[in-house]
Amino acid sequence: MRISKIYGMDIYTDGGRFLGRVQDVVIDLEGGEVVRLTMEPLSSISKDEAKRILKENSVLYKNVKSVEDVVVVTKGRKEEGL
């Protein structure tokens, strides 16, 4: 799947809780892999605001179970301890 198709998709926990919509995708360019999905855009913001979003309003991509009509993650934001 192309990364561009993930933007705007709804994110749910595997327990059915809605977390938000994918606003940005954080990529490790050296490793060539997706690291996080954020529910707030990261463009045109301060470094402190970006840190807050990554801590409070994103999910680790390693917790993604499936990407089909929606993104399903194994753990929600609070359960991850982000």
Protein backbone atom coordinates (compact mmCIF):
# COMPACT_ATOMS: atom_id res chain seq x y z
CA MET A 1 0.00 0.00 0.00
CA ARG A 2 1.19 3.52 -0.76
CA ILE A 3 1.75 5.76 2.23
CA SER A 4 -0.38 8.45 0.60
CA LYS A 5 -3.44 6.17 0.95
CA ILE A 6 -3.06 6.10 4.75
CA TYR A 7 -3.63 9.85 5.15
CA GLY A 8 -7.15 10.61 6.40
CA MET A 9 -7.87 7.01 7.44
CA ASP A 10 -9.63 6.45 10.77
CA ILE A 11 -7.56 4.82 13.52
CA TYR A 12 -9.24 2.36 15.90
CA THR A 13 -7.93 0.15 18.67
CA ASP A 14 -8.50 -3.57 18.27
CA GLY A 15 -11.10 -3.10 21.02
CA GLY A 16 -13.10 -0.77 18.77
CA ARG A 17 -12.17 2.59 20.33
CA PHE A 18 -11.82 5.45 17.83
CA LEU A 19 -8.53 7.32 18.29
CA GLY A 20 -8.61 9.81 15.41
CA ARG A 21 -7.62 10.22 11.76
CA VAL A 22 -4.16 9.89 10.27
CA GLN A 23 -2.82 13.41 9.71
CA ASP A 24 0.89 12.68 9.25
CA VAL A 25 3.20 9.72 8.82
CA VAL A 26 6.64 9.74 10.47
CA ILE A 27 9.23 7.84 8.44
CA ASP A 28 12.74 6.69 9.36
CA LEU A 29 14.51 7.59 6.13
CA GLU A 30 17.68 5.66 7.00
CA GLY A 31 15.77 2.51 7.90
CA GLY A 32 13.18 3.01 5.18
CA GLU A 33 10.21 2.29 7.44
CA VAL A 34 7.17 3.99 8.93
CA VAL A 35 7.67 4.79 12.62
CA ARG A 36 4.50 6.61 13.75
CA LEU A 37 1.09 7.79 12.65
CA THR A 38 -0.05 11.12 14.08
CA MET A 39 -3.59 12.37 14.60
CA GLU A 40 -2.49 16.01 14.31
CA PRO A 41 -0.48 17.58 11.48
CA LEU A 42 3.22 18.17 12.15
CA SER A 43 3.80 20.90 9.56
CA SER A 44 4.35 24.55 10.51
CA ILE A 45 4.57 23.97 14.27
CA SER A 46 7.19 24.49 16.94
CA LYS A 47 9.57 21.80 18.12
CA ASP A 48 7.80 21.67 21.50
CA GLU A 49 4.40 21.30 19.85
CA ALA A 50 5.76 18.47 17.66
CA LYS A 51 7.08 16.69 20.76
CA ARG A 52 3.66 17.03 22.41
CA ILE A 53 1.89 15.57 19.38
CA LEU A 54 4.32 12.66 19.15
CA LYS A 55 3.88 11.95 22.85
CA GLU A 56 0.14 12.48 23.23
CA ASN A 57 -1.51 12.15 19.85
CA SER A 58 0.23 9.47 17.82
CA VAL A 59 0.58 5.70 17.65
CA LEU A 60 3.65 3.62 17.00
CA TYR A 61 3.47 1.91 13.64
CA LYS A 62 4.77 -1.31 15.20
CA ASN A 63 1.39 -1.48 16.98
CA VAL A 64 -0.57 -1.39 13.72
CA LYS A 65 -2.39 -4.70 13.19
CA SER A 66 -3.99 -3.93 9.84
CA VAL A 67 -4.54 -1.19 7.29
CA GLU A 68 -7.59 -1.80 5.13
CA ASP A 69 -10.66 0.44 5.28
CA VAL A 70 -9.41 1.71 8.66
CA VAL A 71 -6.17 1.45 10.62
CA VAL A 72 -6.40 -1.00 13.54
CA VAL A 73 -3.81 -0.76 16.32
CA THR A 74 -3.19 -3.23 19.13
CA LYS A 75 -2.92 -0.52 21.78
CA GLY A 76 -4.32 2.96 22.19
CA ARG A 77 -2.36 6.09 23.01
CA LYS A 78 -2.85 5.89 26.76
CA GLU A 79 -2.16 2.15 26.94
CA GLU A 80 1.17 2.66 25.15
CA GLY A 81 2.40 5.01 27.85
CA LEU A 82 3.21 7.68 25.29
